[in-house]
Amino acid sequence: MSIREKISSILFGSKEEPPVQEEGGGSLQPEPQEEAAPESSPFPAEEPALIKLTAEHPLQQLYTIRRRERGGLPAPRLCLDEEGVLPPEVVKKEKSRLQGAVRTAAAFRLKSVQNQNKNAEKARQKKAAKGEDGEDPEKKPAGMDAHPWIFLSADKLFAWVMVFPPTGQGRELTRELLHQALEDQGIIYGLDERLADRLAHDEERYFHLFLIAQGKPAFDGKNGNIVDYVPRVVERVLQVDEYDQVDYTALNLIHNVKEGQEICRLIRPTEGDPGRTVLDQEIPAKSGKEVPLPKGRNTEISKDGDALLASVSGHVEFTGRSFQVKPVLEVPGNVDFSTGNIKFLGDVSIKGDVLTGFTVRAMGSIWVGGVIEAGSTVEAGGDLTVVKGILGDGTTTVRAHRCIFSKYIENATIYVRENLQTDAIINGSIYCDGEVLVRSGRGTIMGGRVWAAKKVSATAVGAKSECRTSIALGGLPCTNFEREQVRKELKELEMELEKLECQLDSPVKASLLSKVRMKLNTAELRLQQLEEDLIDIKAELKDRGEDGRLECGVAYAGTEISIGDEITRLRHEEHQCVAKMVAGEILVM
């Protein structure tokens, strides 16, 4: 039984053959055969590079004709990658092209063979009609020589050969015949000479596909790259330990460098390596692209041009497109009469406290190892870290244009553009355009007002004594805070203007009036701009539906929650609650 019959019997079952009748009326039962060992699978694993040929395929018909003429012959096999050396994407792409091309070539060869056979038959019939019996030994029947058929890949990097066998008295495949066919196609690069020599004598040289030539693929060069020694993005999220505590001394928000220290290094692009087709044509390759070093303020490029160096000692920071080094002002003790008020363009590192009545302003980040005391003012263009906390008296103002990290906040006004993280807030006035996180340590918000644009998350809000604690969500806290500050400034300027107008006329009065009026006009323009910004941004936030939310472990009675124009006051203690706006109302769950 053939393999095809075995498969058919497994899929559809087989009919029992009738017993063979003996001449004496008996029957002969077929002899029992030994049971074959069970196969693991009735179907062989499919080869992705193999072309399947149907019985009606022109190549199969040519194979049948050849078998009739010459007897036994290996079955046709068209496999693009017998050795398993080609990329899968090449096999997948060329397989569909090969199927169409080999059918066309085989059909043309089959038609030629059929026409030749018809002509030979007509010639024999004419001879028979003339009464000429027998064949002239000097006149041999015509035939076709073996024909090497070449198949080129679309990118001309690979060439395969399949040889059609000769017919009649045609010549068998020879090395010269194969080389002539390759030369006619222009295939002169990457030839497999050993295979070409072997094919002339190989038993499977006909109806089999062979990879006869391989070109050299082109390789594009790699683009240049930058290796950073300082992170471009600083994570500003505090890590809480197993004791629910935060180490504010180890935030690593400031990366100090010394003069001449490398900030990043340039990896040069590489040149492309051109390839070559089997037709001996060059395949161009692209070279990698140059990448510029991100040079910013207080940085310089090394002499070899491969490294970015710090030209001064300070804190290195990536600002959108470039690294820049900000000078760091080191204050070994407290900010007091020994230092005076501090205004600095870079970063400030204070080992001690900021004492009452003193001001610290910096364009960069500020790190305070002690306490910010009552009556002081601190403003940071970057992050603000206060290791021991902020202890105010109602007049303390702290601003940060990024994030604030503090052990605790008490009786202080806080303005923060991004996120605020602390262990406790007591009677504070907080304006935050991001999230207020009070989950570590005590995790308490008690008294005062906390206004966050996105979220307030705390362990406890309010107190059992029902002290008034206000939580406002959504909107534009920092912009509203600036508007209130400008309004306050306007009132002060108007009062000062009234006092000056009551004075006697003098050159000094005229000079002071001019200055106050200029400040007044500037403040009015600033207030008008803030009002317009508030209207535009409020409309945008309303379309987005961003109202903010409160998450807390316990919210005590007396806590006031406001979202937009809606206000609700808790009358009972709520545990594991979430407050948010639902269908125009504040829902506490």
Protein backbone atom coordinates (compact mmCIF):
# COMPACT_ATOMS: atom_id res chain seq x y z
CA MET A 1 0.00 0.00 0.00
CA SER A 2 1.38 3.45 -0.94
CA ILE A 3 1.73 6.31 1.56
CA ARG A 4 -1.24 8.08 -0.05
CA GLU A 5 -3.43 5.01 0.38
CA LYS A 6 -2.33 4.67 4.01
CA ILE A 7 -3.34 8.25 4.73
CA SER A 8 -6.71 7.76 2.98
CA SER A 9 -7.40 4.63 5.02
CA ILE A 10 -6.61 6.47 8.27
CA LEU A 11 -8.87 9.45 7.39
CA PHE A 12 -11.81 7.62 5.77
CA GLY A 13 -11.38 3.93 6.71
CA SER A 14 -10.85 1.08 4.28
CA LYS A 15 -13.26 -1.42 2.84
CA GLU A 16 -12.66 -5.13 3.49
CA GLU A 17 -11.46 -6.94 0.42
CA PRO A 18 -13.73 -9.90 -0.52
CA PRO A 19 -12.26 -13.34 0.02
CA VAL A 20 -10.62 -14.95 -2.99
CA GLN A 21 -12.71 -17.89 -4.29
CA GLU A 22 -10.98 -21.21 -4.80
CA GLU A 23 -11.82 -23.44 -7.75
CA GLY A 24 -13.35 -25.99 -5.34
CA GLY A 25 -15.86 -23.55 -3.96
CA GLY A 26 -13.86 -22.61 -0.87
CA SER A 27 -12.40 -19.27 -0.14
CA LEU A 28 -8.90 -18.12 0.61
CA GLN A 29 -8.60 -15.64 3.47
CA PRO A 30 -5.69 -13.20 3.22
CA GLU A 31 -2.81 -14.18 5.43
CA PRO A 32 -2.60 -12.16 8.65
CA GLN A 33 0.17 -9.55 8.50
CA GLU A 34 2.32 -8.45 11.34
CA GLU A 35 0.93 -5.34 13.06
CA ALA A 36 3.00 -2.29 12.19
CA ALA A 37 4.39 -0.13 14.95
CA PRO A 38 2.12 2.89 15.56
CA GLU A 39 3.41 6.12 14.08
CA SER A 40 3.59 9.27 16.16
CA SER A 41 1.73 11.23 13.46
CA PRO A 42 0.23 10.09 10.12
CA PHE A 43 1.36 13.35 8.48
CA PRO A 44 4.94 14.51 8.12
CA ALA A 45 5.77 17.96 9.45
CA GLU A 46 5.07 20.63 6.84
CA GLU A 47 8.15 22.31 5.38
CA PRO A 48 7.55 26.06 4.88
CA ALA A 49 10.07 26.22 2.03
CA LEU A 50 8.59 23.29 0.05
CA ILE A 51 6.35 23.81 -3.00
CA LYS A 52 3.48 21.32 -3.18
CA LEU A 53 2.75 19.93 -6.64
CA THR A 54 -0.65 18.57 -7.64
CA ALA A 55 -1.09 15.65 -10.02
CA GLU A 56 -2.27 18.05 -12.77
CA HIS A 57 0.75 20.33 -12.41
CA PRO A 58 2.72 20.67 -15.69
CA LEU A 59 5.89 19.63 -13.88
CA GLN A 60 4.27 16.38 -12.78
CA GLN A 61 3.19 15.72 -16.34
CA LEU A 62 6.74 16.27 -17.57
CA TYR A 63 7.96 13.91 -14.86
CA THR A 64 5.48 11.24 -16.06
CA ILE A 65 6.70 11.60 -19.65
CA ARG A 66 10.32 11.25 -18.52
CA ARG A 67 9.54 8.10 -16.52
CA ARG A 68 7.90 6.50 -19.53
CA GLU A 69 10.98 7.20 -21.63
CA ARG A 70 13.76 6.37 -19.16
CA GLY A 71 12.22 4.34 -16.36
CA GLY A 72 12.92 5.02 -12.67
CA LEU A 73 13.48 8.67 -11.66
CA PRO A 74 13.39 10.52 -8.28
CA ALA A 75 10.13 12.42 -7.74
CA PRO A 76 10.14 16.21 -8.27
CA ARG A 77 11.06 18.32 -5.23
CA LEU A 78 11.04 22.09 -5.17
CA CYS A 79 12.43 23.33 -1.86
CA LEU A 80 13.72 26.90 -1.63
CA ASP A 81 15.87 26.25 1.44
CA GLU A 82 17.10 22.68 1.78
CA GLU A 83 19.96 23.69 4.09
CA GLY A 84 17.89 26.02 6.28
CA VAL A 85 20.20 28.99 5.74
CA LEU A 86 17.79 31.56 4.29
CA PRO A 87 15.88 34.16 6.37
CA PRO A 88 12.21 33.14 6.86
CA GLU A 89 10.97 36.41 5.33
CA VAL A 90 12.89 35.64 2.10
CA VAL A 91 11.40 32.13 1.90
CA LYS A 92 7.89 33.45 2.51
CA LYS A 93 8.21 36.19 -0.10
CA GLU A 94 9.87 34.10 -2.84
CA LYS A 95 7.70 31.01 -2.37
CA SER A 96 4.63 32.69 -3.86
CA ARG A 97 6.70 34.07 -6.77
CA LEU A 98 8.27 30.67 -7.43
CA GLN A 99 4.91 28.88 -7.59
CA GLY A 100 3.73 31.06 -10.47
CA ALA A 101 7.08 31.13 -12.27
CA VAL A 102 7.67 27.36 -12.18
CA ARG A 103 4.14 26.64 -13.43
CA THR A 104 4.68 28.98 -16.40
CA ALA A 105 8.10 27.52 -17.24
CA ALA A 106 6.89 23.91 -16.89
CA ALA A 107 3.80 24.60 -19.01
CA PHE A 108 5.97 26.07 -21.79
CA ARG A 109 8.33 23.07 -21.66
CA LEU A 110 5.40 20.64 -21.65
CA LYS A 111 3.87 22.31 -24.70
CA SER A 112 7.19 22.08 -26.52
CA VAL A 113 7.51 18.37 -25.71
CA GLN A 114 3.93 17.68 -26.80
CA ASN A 115 4.45 19.54 -30.08
CA GLN A 116 7.64 17.59 -30.70
CA ASN A 117 5.85 14.29 -30.07
CA LYS A 118 3.01 15.33 -32.41
CA ASN A 119 5.47 16.18 -35.18
CA ALA A 120 7.27 12.87 -34.71
CA GLU A 121 3.95 10.99 -34.88
CA LYS A 122 2.96 12.82 -38.06
CA ALA A 123 6.29 11.92 -39.63
CA ARG A 124 5.78 8.25 -38.78
CA GLN A 125 2.27 8.32 -40.22
CA LYS A 126 3.57 9.84 -43.48
CA LYS A 127 6.16 7.10 -43.74
CA ALA A 128 3.54 4.46 -43.13
CA ALA A 129 1.32 5.98 -45.83
CA LYS A 130 4.19 5.83 -48.33
CA GLY A 131 4.81 2.22 -47.44
CA GLU A 132 8.21 2.86 -45.92
CA ASP A 133 8.68 0.29 -43.20
CA GLY A 134 11.43 0.42 -40.63
CA GLU A 135 13.54 3.28 -39.51
CA ASP A 136 16.65 4.70 -41.12
CA PRO A 137 19.46 4.15 -38.60
CA GLU A 138 21.25 7.23 -39.90
CA LYS A 139 18.25 9.47 -39.15
CA LYS A 140 17.77 9.59 -35.39
CA PRO A 141 14.52 11.05 -33.99
CA ALA A 142 14.76 14.70 -32.95
CA GLY A 143 14.88 15.67 -29.25
CA MET A 144 15.43 18.57 -26.87
CA ASP A 145 18.53 19.05 -24.73
CA ALA A 146 18.37 19.33 -20.97
CA HIS A 147 17.34 22.88 -20.02
CA PRO A 148 18.55 24.60 -16.83
CA TRP A 149 15.79 27.01 -15.72
CA ILE A 150 16.98 29.90 -13.54
CA PHE A 151 14.83 31.63 -10.89
CA LEU A 152 16.03 34.94 -9.43
CA SER A 153 14.80 36.45 -6.16
CA ALA A 154 13.14 39.86 -6.33
CA ASP A 155 16.17 41.56 -4.78
CA LYS A 156 18.60 39.62 -7.02
CA LEU A 157 20.42 38.27 -3.96
CA PHE A 158 19.59 34.61 -4.58
CA ALA A 159 19.43 32.39 -7.68
CA TRP A 160 17.97 28.90 -7.90
CA VAL A 161 18.25 26.41 -10.75
CA MET A 162 15.93 23.59 -11.80
CA VAL A 163 16.87 21.41 -14.76
CA PHE A 164 14.32 20.04 -17.21
CA PRO A 165 15.54 16.64 -18.53
CA PRO A 166 16.27 16.05 -22.22
CA THR A 167 13.78 14.40 -24.54
CA GLY A 168 14.40 12.01 -27.38
CA GLN A 169 18.04 12.09 -28.38
CA GLY A 170 18.68 15.41 -26.64
CA ARG A 171 21.87 15.97 -24.62
CA GLU A 172 21.97 15.27 -20.90
CA LEU A 173 22.98 18.02 -18.48
CA THR A 174 26.66 18.91 -18.55
CA ARG A 175 28.75 21.37 -16.61
CA GLU A 176 29.21 23.48 -19.76
CA LEU A 177 25.46 23.53 -20.43
CA LEU A 178 24.74 24.73 -16.85
CA HIS A 179 27.42 27.42 -16.94
CA GLN A 180 26.19 28.64 -20.29
CA ALA A 181 22.65 29.01 -18.90
CA LEU A 182 23.98 30.93 -15.86
CA GLU A 183 26.09 33.16 -18.08
CA ASP A 184 23.11 33.90 -20.32
CA GLN A 185 21.22 35.12 -17.25
CA GLY A 186 24.20 37.21 -16.12
CA ILE A 187 24.73 35.27 -12.89
CA ILE A 188 28.46 35.54 -12.19
CA TYR A 189 28.73 36.48 -8.49
CA GLY A 190 28.46 34.12 -5.53
CA LEU A 191 28.24 30.93 -7.60
CA ASP A 192 28.36 27.60 -5.80
CA GLU A 193 31.02 25.99 -8.02
CA ARG A 194 31.00 22.68 -6.16
CA LEU A 195 27.27 22.36 -6.65
CA ALA A 196 27.60 23.25 -10.33
CA ASP A 197 30.22 20.50 -10.81
CA ARG A 198 28.17 17.96 -8.86
CA LEU A 199 24.88 18.59 -10.70
CA ALA A 200 26.22 17.19 -13.96
CA HIS A 201 26.41 13.71 -12.37
CA ASP A 202 23.79 13.90 -9.58
CA GLU A 203 20.95 11.37 -9.75
CA GLU A 204 18.47 14.06 -8.59
CA ARG A 205 19.64 16.73 -11.00
CA TYR A 206 16.29 16.81 -12.83
CA PHE A 207 13.04 18.25 -11.43
CA HIS A 208 14.82 19.43 -8.25
CA LEU A 209 15.44 23.00 -7.13
CA PHE A 210 18.95 24.01 -6.06
CA LEU A 211 20.28 27.27 -4.61
CA ILE A 212 23.06 27.89 -7.11
CA ALA A 213 24.20 31.42 -6.18
CA GLN A 214 24.01 33.82 -3.24
CA GLY A 215 24.78 37.52 -3.30
CA LYS A 216 25.98 39.68 -0.44
CA PRO A 217 23.28 41.74 1.32
CA ALA A 218 23.93 45.40 2.11
CA PHE A 219 24.06 46.48 5.74
CA ASP A 220 23.14 50.04 6.66
CA GLY A 221 25.31 51.76 9.21
CA LYS A 222 24.09 52.28 12.78
CA ASN A 223 22.98 55.73 13.82
CA GLY A 224 24.95 57.64 16.38
CA ASN A 225 23.87 57.39 20.02
CA ILE A 226 24.33 59.16 23.33
CA VAL A 227 25.31 57.30 26.50
CA ASP A 228 24.15 59.30 29.52
CA TYR A 229 25.95 59.20 32.86
CA VAL A 230 23.21 61.31 34.47
CA PRO A 231 19.50 60.37 34.19
CA ARG A 232 17.47 62.68 31.98
CA VAL A 233 14.26 62.05 33.90
CA VAL A 234 14.39 62.23 37.71
CA GLU A 235 11.82 60.16 39.57
CA ARG A 236 10.08 62.43 42.10
CA VAL A 237 8.19 59.73 43.99
CA LEU A 238 9.14 59.02 47.60
CA GLN A 239 9.65 55.43 48.69
CA VAL A 240 8.02 54.37 51.96
CA ASP A 241 9.90 51.75 54.03
CA GLU A 242 8.44 48.83 55.97
CA TYR A 243 7.89 51.13 58.97
CA ASP A 244 5.74 53.51 56.89
CA GLN A 245 8.47 56.18 57.05
CA VAL A 246 10.18 58.27 54.36
CA ASP A 247 13.87 59.17 54.45
CA TYR A 248 13.82 62.75 53.19
CA THR A 249 17.61 62.93 53.29
CA ALA A 250 18.06 60.31 50.56
CA LEU A 251 15.85 61.53 47.71
CA ASN A 252 18.77 61.95 45.24
CA LEU A 253 17.03 64.74 43.36
CA ILE A 254 20.28 66.66 42.86
CA HIS A 255 23.09 65.19 40.75
CA ASN A 256 26.27 67.13 41.45
CA VAL A 257 29.21 67.11 39.04
CA LYS A 258 32.69 68.55 39.23
CA GLU A 259 34.31 70.76 36.63
CA GLY A 260 35.56 68.65 33.70
CA GLN A 261 33.43 65.62 34.64
CA GLU A 262 31.74 63.71 31.79
CA ILE A 263 27.98 64.13 31.59
CA CYS A 264 27.40 61.98 28.51
CA ARG A 265 29.41 60.38 25.71
CA LEU A 266 28.80 60.22 21.97
CA ILE A 267 28.79 56.90 20.11
CA ARG A 268 29.78 57.67 16.53
CA PRO A 269 27.64 56.34 13.64
CA THR A 270 29.06 53.52 11.55
CA GLU A 271 29.55 53.40 7.79
CA GLY A 272 27.26 51.23 5.71
CA ASP A 273 28.57 48.01 4.13
CA PRO A 274 27.43 47.82 0.47
CA GLY A 275 26.22 44.49 -0.89
CA ARG A 276 26.36 42.70 -4.23
CA THR A 277 23.72 40.88 -6.24
CA VAL A 278 24.28 37.59 -8.04
CA LEU A 279 24.36 39.69 -11.22
CA ASP A 280 27.47 41.39 -9.79
CA GLN A 281 25.63 44.68 -9.26
CA GLU A 282 26.43 46.81 -6.21
CA ILE A 283 23.70 47.33 -3.60
CA PRO A 284 24.23 50.72 -1.93
CA ALA A 285 24.10 50.99 1.86
CA LYS A 286 23.20 54.00 4.00
CA SER A 287 25.60 55.30 6.58
CA GLY A 288 24.37 56.01 10.11
CA LYS A 289 23.14 59.48 11.04
CA GLU A 290 25.08 61.83 13.26
CA VAL A 291 23.61 62.71 16.66
CA PRO A 292 24.57 66.06 18.21
CA LEU A 293 25.69 66.23 21.83
CA PRO A 294 22.99 67.91 23.97
CA LYS A 295 25.14 70.90 24.94
CA GLY A 296 23.55 73.43 27.27
CA ARG A 297 24.55 76.13 29.71
CA ASN A 298 27.81 75.60 31.62
CA THR A 299 28.80 72.58 29.50
CA GLU A 300 31.49 72.10 26.86
CA ILE A 301 32.45 69.50 24.27
CA SER A 302 35.72 67.61 24.74
CA LYS A 303 38.64 68.10 22.35
CA ASP A 304 37.96 64.83 20.51
CA GLY A 305 34.30 65.82 20.18
CA ASP A 306 33.04 62.60 21.76
CA ALA A 307 32.06 63.74 25.27
CA LEU A 308 30.05 66.49 26.97
CA LEU A 309 31.85 67.93 29.99
CA ALA A 310 30.79 70.19 32.84
CA SER A 311 32.55 73.55 32.54
CA VAL A 312 31.71 74.42 36.17
CA SER A 313 30.94 72.44 39.29
CA GLY A 314 27.27 72.22 40.15
CA HIS A 315 24.03 70.33 39.66
CA VAL A 316 23.45 68.80 36.22
CA GLU A 317 19.94 68.68 34.81
CA PHE A 318 18.34 67.79 31.47
CA THR A 319 15.95 70.50 30.30
CA GLY A 320 14.04 69.25 27.29
CA ARG A 321 16.83 69.32 24.68
CA SER A 322 20.12 69.78 26.49
CA PHE A 323 22.07 69.15 29.65
CA GLN A 324 22.92 72.20 31.70
CA VAL A 325 24.93 72.59 34.87
CA LYS A 326 23.49 74.84 37.52
CA PRO A 327 25.91 76.13 40.13
CA VAL A 328 25.12 74.85 43.63
CA LEU A 329 25.29 77.30 46.52
CA GLU A 330 26.34 75.43 49.67
CA VAL A 331 25.18 76.97 52.95
CA PRO A 332 27.00 75.06 55.72
CA GLY A 333 24.70 76.28 58.51
CA ASN A 334 21.49 78.28 58.90
CA VAL A 335 20.13 81.04 56.71
CA ASP A 336 20.41 83.89 59.22
CA PHE A 337 22.17 87.20 59.67
CA SER A 338 25.48 85.57 58.74
CA THR A 339 24.18 84.86 55.23
CA GLY A 340 21.30 87.29 54.83
CA ASN A 341 18.56 86.69 52.27
CA ILE A 342 19.59 84.39 49.41
CA LYS A 343 18.82 84.89 45.72
CA PHE A 344 20.62 82.43 43.49
CA LEU A 345 20.39 81.44 39.81
CA GLY A 346 21.27 77.78 40.41
CA ASP A 347 20.51 75.24 43.14
CA VAL A 348 20.80 75.92 46.87
CA SER A 349 21.78 73.36 49.49
CA ILE A 350 21.20 74.49 53.11
CA LYS A 351 22.56 72.23 55.83
CA GLY A 352 20.64 73.96 58.64
CA ASP A 353 17.39 75.93 59.00
CA VAL A 354 15.81 78.91 57.30
CA LEU A 355 15.25 81.21 60.26
CA THR A 356 12.34 83.57 60.89
CA GLY A 357 12.14 86.62 58.63
CA PHE A 358 14.63 85.42 55.98
CA THR A 359 14.01 84.74 52.30
CA VAL A 360 15.53 82.10 50.01
CA ARG A 361 14.86 82.26 46.27
CA ALA A 362 16.55 80.04 43.69
CA MET A 363 16.06 79.40 39.96
CA GLY A 364 16.89 75.74 40.56
CA SER A 365 16.03 73.28 43.33
CA ILE A 366 16.39 73.96 47.07
CA TRP A 367 17.38 71.40 49.69
CA VAL A 368 16.94 72.29 53.36
CA GLY A 369 18.43 69.91 55.90
CA GLY A 370 16.54 71.44 58.83
CA VAL A 371 13.33 73.45 59.28
CA ILE A 372 11.72 76.37 57.47
CA GLU A 373 10.68 78.58 60.38
CA ALA A 374 7.74 80.94 60.84
CA GLY A 375 7.71 84.22 58.95
CA SER A 376 10.20 83.08 56.29
CA THR A 377 9.75 82.90 52.52
CA VAL A 378 11.16 80.16 50.29
CA GLU A 379 10.68 79.92 46.50
CA ALA A 380 12.24 77.25 44.27
CA GLY A 381 12.21 77.18 40.47
CA GLY A 382 12.62 73.40 40.66
CA ASP A 383 11.97 70.98 43.54
CA LEU A 384 11.93 71.84 47.24
CA THR A 385 12.99 69.27 49.83
CA VAL A 386 12.68 70.03 53.55
CA VAL A 387 14.08 67.21 55.66
CA LYS A 388 12.61 68.22 59.03
CA GLY A 389 9.52 70.15 57.97
CA ILE A 390 7.87 73.55 57.56
CA LEU A 391 6.80 75.27 60.81
CA GLY A 392 4.93 78.48 60.07
CA ASP A 393 2.82 81.04 61.90
CA GLY A 394 0.32 81.89 59.19
CA THR A 395 2.69 84.26 57.38
CA THR A 396 5.12 81.64 56.06
CA THR A 397 4.94 81.26 52.28
CA VAL A 398 6.62 78.46 50.36
CA ARG A 399 6.55 78.06 46.58
CA ALA A 400 7.91 75.41 44.23
CA HIS A 401 7.48 75.25 40.46
CA ARG A 402 7.90 71.48 40.55
CA CYS A 403 7.42 69.21 43.58
CA ILE A 404 7.63 69.68 47.35
CA PHE A 405 8.79 66.99 49.78
CA SER A 406 8.57 67.84 53.47
CA LYS A 407 8.44 65.91 56.74
CA TYR A 408 5.43 67.97 57.88
CA ILE A 409 3.66 71.26 57.10
CA GLU A 410 2.12 73.42 59.82
CA ASN A 411 0.50 76.89 59.61
CA ALA A 412 2.06 77.69 56.22
CA THR A 413 0.85 78.68 52.77
CA ILE A 414 2.14 76.25 50.13
CA TYR A 415 2.09 76.80 46.37
CA VAL A 416 3.26 73.83 44.25
CA ARG A 417 2.94 73.37 40.50
CA GLU A 418 3.28 69.58 40.48
CA ASN A 419 2.92 67.17 43.44
CA LEU A 420 3.19 67.58 47.21
CA GLN A 421 4.21 64.71 49.49
CA THR A 422 4.43 64.93 53.28
CA ASP A 423 3.69 63.02 56.48
CA ALA A 424 1.24 65.55 57.95
CA ILE A 425 -0.53 68.84 57.14
CA ILE A 426 -1.82 70.87 60.11
CA ASN A 427 -3.73 74.12 59.55
CA GLY A 428 -2.09 74.65 56.19
CA SER A 429 -3.23 76.51 53.09
CA ILE A 430 -2.24 74.27 50.20
CA TYR A 431 -2.54 75.09 46.50
CA CYS A 432 -1.42 72.18 44.30
CA ASP A 433 -1.83 71.69 40.55
CA GLY A 434 -1.08 67.97 40.87
CA GLU A 435 -1.62 65.47 43.69
CA VAL A 436 -1.34 65.88 47.47
CA LEU A 437 -0.08 62.64 49.01
CA VAL A 438 -0.20 62.29 52.81
CA ARG A 439 0.12 58.54 53.29
CA SER A 440 3.44 58.02 55.09
CA GLY A 441 4.05 58.50 58.83
CA ARG A 442 0.94 59.90 60.52
CA GLY A 443 -0.67 60.61 57.18
CA THR A 444 -2.95 63.27 58.66
CA ILE A 445 -4.62 66.38 57.22
CA MET A 446 -6.01 68.35 60.15
CA GLY A 447 -7.50 71.84 59.86
CA GLY A 448 -6.88 74.44 57.17
CA ARG A 449 -7.60 74.07 53.47
CA VAL A 450 -6.08 71.74 50.90
CA TRP A 451 -6.86 72.44 47.25
CA ALA A 452 -5.55 69.91 44.70
CA ALA A 453 -6.32 69.82 40.99
CA LYS A 454 -6.07 66.03 40.60
CA LYS A 455 -6.20 64.09 43.85
CA VAL A 456 -5.86 64.23 47.63
CA SER A 457 -4.80 60.94 49.21
CA ALA A 458 -4.39 60.68 53.01
CA THR A 459 -4.63 58.21 55.85
CA ALA A 460 -6.88 60.52 57.89
CA VAL A 461 -8.70 63.78 57.12
CA GLY A 462 -10.04 66.01 59.89
CA ALA A 463 -10.14 65.18 63.59
CA LYS A 464 -12.48 63.67 66.17
CA SER A 465 -12.95 67.16 67.61
CA GLU A 466 -14.59 68.05 64.28
CA CYS A 467 -12.17 70.88 63.60
CA ARG A 468 -12.96 72.46 60.27
CA THR A 469 -10.89 70.84 57.51
CA SER A 470 -11.58 71.83 53.91
CA ILE A 471 -10.67 69.70 50.91
CA ALA A 472 -11.12 71.32 47.48
CA LEU A 473 -10.72 69.30 44.28
CA GLY A 474 -10.32 70.11 40.60
CA GLY A 475 -9.96 73.52 39.01
CA LEU A 476 -6.77 75.60 38.93
CA PRO A 477 -5.42 76.04 42.47
CA CYS A 478 -2.13 77.76 41.62
CA THR A 479 -3.68 80.16 39.12
CA ASN A 480 -6.35 81.10 41.65
CA PHE A 481 -3.65 81.61 44.28
CA GLU A 482 -1.75 83.93 41.94
CA ARG A 483 -4.93 85.85 41.22
CA GLU A 484 -5.57 86.37 44.92
CA GLN A 485 -1.98 87.52 45.40
CA VAL A 486 -2.29 90.03 42.55
CA ARG A 487 -5.58 91.31 43.95
CA LYS A 488 -3.93 91.78 47.34
CA GLU A 489 -1.06 93.62 45.68
CA LEU A 490 -3.52 95.86 43.80
CA LYS A 491 -5.26 96.88 47.03
CA GLU A 492 -1.94 97.75 48.64
CA LEU A 493 -0.88 99.80 45.61
CA GLU A 494 -4.22 101.65 45.54
CA MET A 495 -3.89 102.50 49.22
CA GLU A 496 -0.33 103.71 48.65
CA LEU A 497 -1.49 105.81 45.69
CA GLU A 498 -4.21 107.46 47.80
CA LYS A 499 -1.68 108.36 50.51
CA LEU A 500 0.72 109.86 47.96
CA GLU A 501 -2.04 111.96 46.34
CA CYS A 502 -2.84 113.49 49.75
CA GLN A 503 0.72 114.75 50.12
CA LEU A 504 1.96 118.18 49.06
CA ASP A 505 3.23 118.52 45.53
CA SER A 506 6.97 118.00 45.18
CA PRO A 507 9.46 116.41 42.78
CA VAL A 508 9.70 113.42 45.13
CA LYS A 509 5.90 112.99 45.13
CA ALA A 510 5.81 113.09 41.32
CA SER A 511 8.54 110.46 41.05
CA LEU A 512 6.84 108.16 43.56
CA LEU A 513 3.43 108.60 41.90
CA SER A 514 4.92 107.63 38.54
CA LYS A 515 6.46 104.46 39.95
CA VAL A 516 3.30 103.42 41.83
CA ARG A 517 1.08 104.03 38.81
CA MET A 518 3.41 101.91 36.65
CA LYS A 519 3.25 99.08 39.20
CA LEU A 520 -0.52 99.47 39.36
CA ASN A 521 -0.89 99.21 35.56
CA THR A 522 1.37 96.15 35.49
CA ALA A 523 -0.67 94.46 38.25
CA GLU A 524 -3.95 95.24 36.46
CA LEU A 525 -2.66 93.74 33.21
CA ARG A 526 -1.43 90.69 35.11
CA LEU A 527 -4.83 90.27 36.79
CA GLN A 528 -6.63 90.59 33.45
CA GLN A 529 -4.38 87.95 31.92
CA LEU A 530 -4.99 85.57 34.83
CA GLU A 531 -8.75 86.06 34.57
CA GLU A 532 -8.67 85.19 30.85
CA ASP A 533 -6.49 82.15 31.48
CA LEU A 534 -8.87 80.93 34.17
CA ILE A 535 -11.87 81.18 31.83
CA ASP A 536 -10.09 79.31 29.00
CA ILE A 537 -8.62 76.55 31.17
CA LYS A 538 -11.85 76.04 33.11
CA ALA A 539 -13.70 75.45 29.84
CA GLU A 540 -11.03 72.98 28.73
CA LEU A 541 -11.16 71.08 32.04
CA LYS A 542 -14.95 70.97 31.88
CA ASP A 543 -14.79 69.31 28.46
CA ARG A 544 -12.33 66.74 29.78
CA GLY A 545 -14.44 66.04 32.87
CA GLU A 546 -11.44 66.25 35.25
CA ASP A 547 -12.86 67.07 38.70
CA GLY A 548 -10.35 65.39 41.01
CA ARG A 549 -11.03 62.95 43.84
CA LEU A 550 -10.40 62.38 47.54
CA GLU A 551 -9.12 59.04 48.86
CA CYS A 552 -8.64 58.49 52.59
CA GLY A 553 -8.63 55.78 55.22
CA VAL A 554 -10.90 57.79 57.54
CA ALA A 555 -12.67 61.13 57.11
CA TYR A 556 -13.97 62.63 60.35
CA ALA A 557 -17.20 64.54 60.80
CA GLY A 558 -16.81 68.24 60.09
CA THR A 559 -14.69 67.68 56.98
CA GLU A 560 -15.83 69.91 54.12
CA ILE A 561 -15.43 68.68 50.53
CA SER A 562 -15.89 71.00 47.55
CA ILE A 563 -15.67 70.25 43.85
CA GLY A 564 -16.38 73.23 41.61
CA ASP A 565 -19.45 75.01 42.99
CA GLU A 566 -20.67 71.93 44.87
CA ILE A 567 -19.92 71.66 48.62
CA THR A 568 -20.74 68.89 51.08
CA ARG A 569 -20.00 68.59 54.78
CA LEU A 570 -19.57 65.20 56.42
CA ARG A 571 -21.91 64.66 59.34
CA HIS A 572 -20.60 61.21 60.22
CA GLU A 573 -17.24 59.52 60.31
CA GLU A 574 -16.48 57.74 57.03
CA HIS A 575 -13.97 54.88 56.68
CA GLN A 576 -12.09 53.90 53.50
CA CYS A 577 -13.98 56.57 51.61
CA VAL A 578 -13.67 58.00 48.13
CA ALA A 579 -15.25 61.34 47.22
CA LYS A 580 -15.80 62.39 43.62
CA MET A 581 -18.25 64.17 41.35
CA VAL A 582 -21.01 61.95 39.94
CA ALA A 583 -23.85 63.37 37.83
CA GLY A 584 -23.27 66.91 39.11
CA GLU A 585 -23.23 65.90 42.80
CA ILE A 586 -20.45 65.03 45.24
CA LEU A 587 -20.70 61.34 46.05
CA VAL A 588 -18.90 59.99 49.14
CA MET A 589 -18.50 56.21 49.00
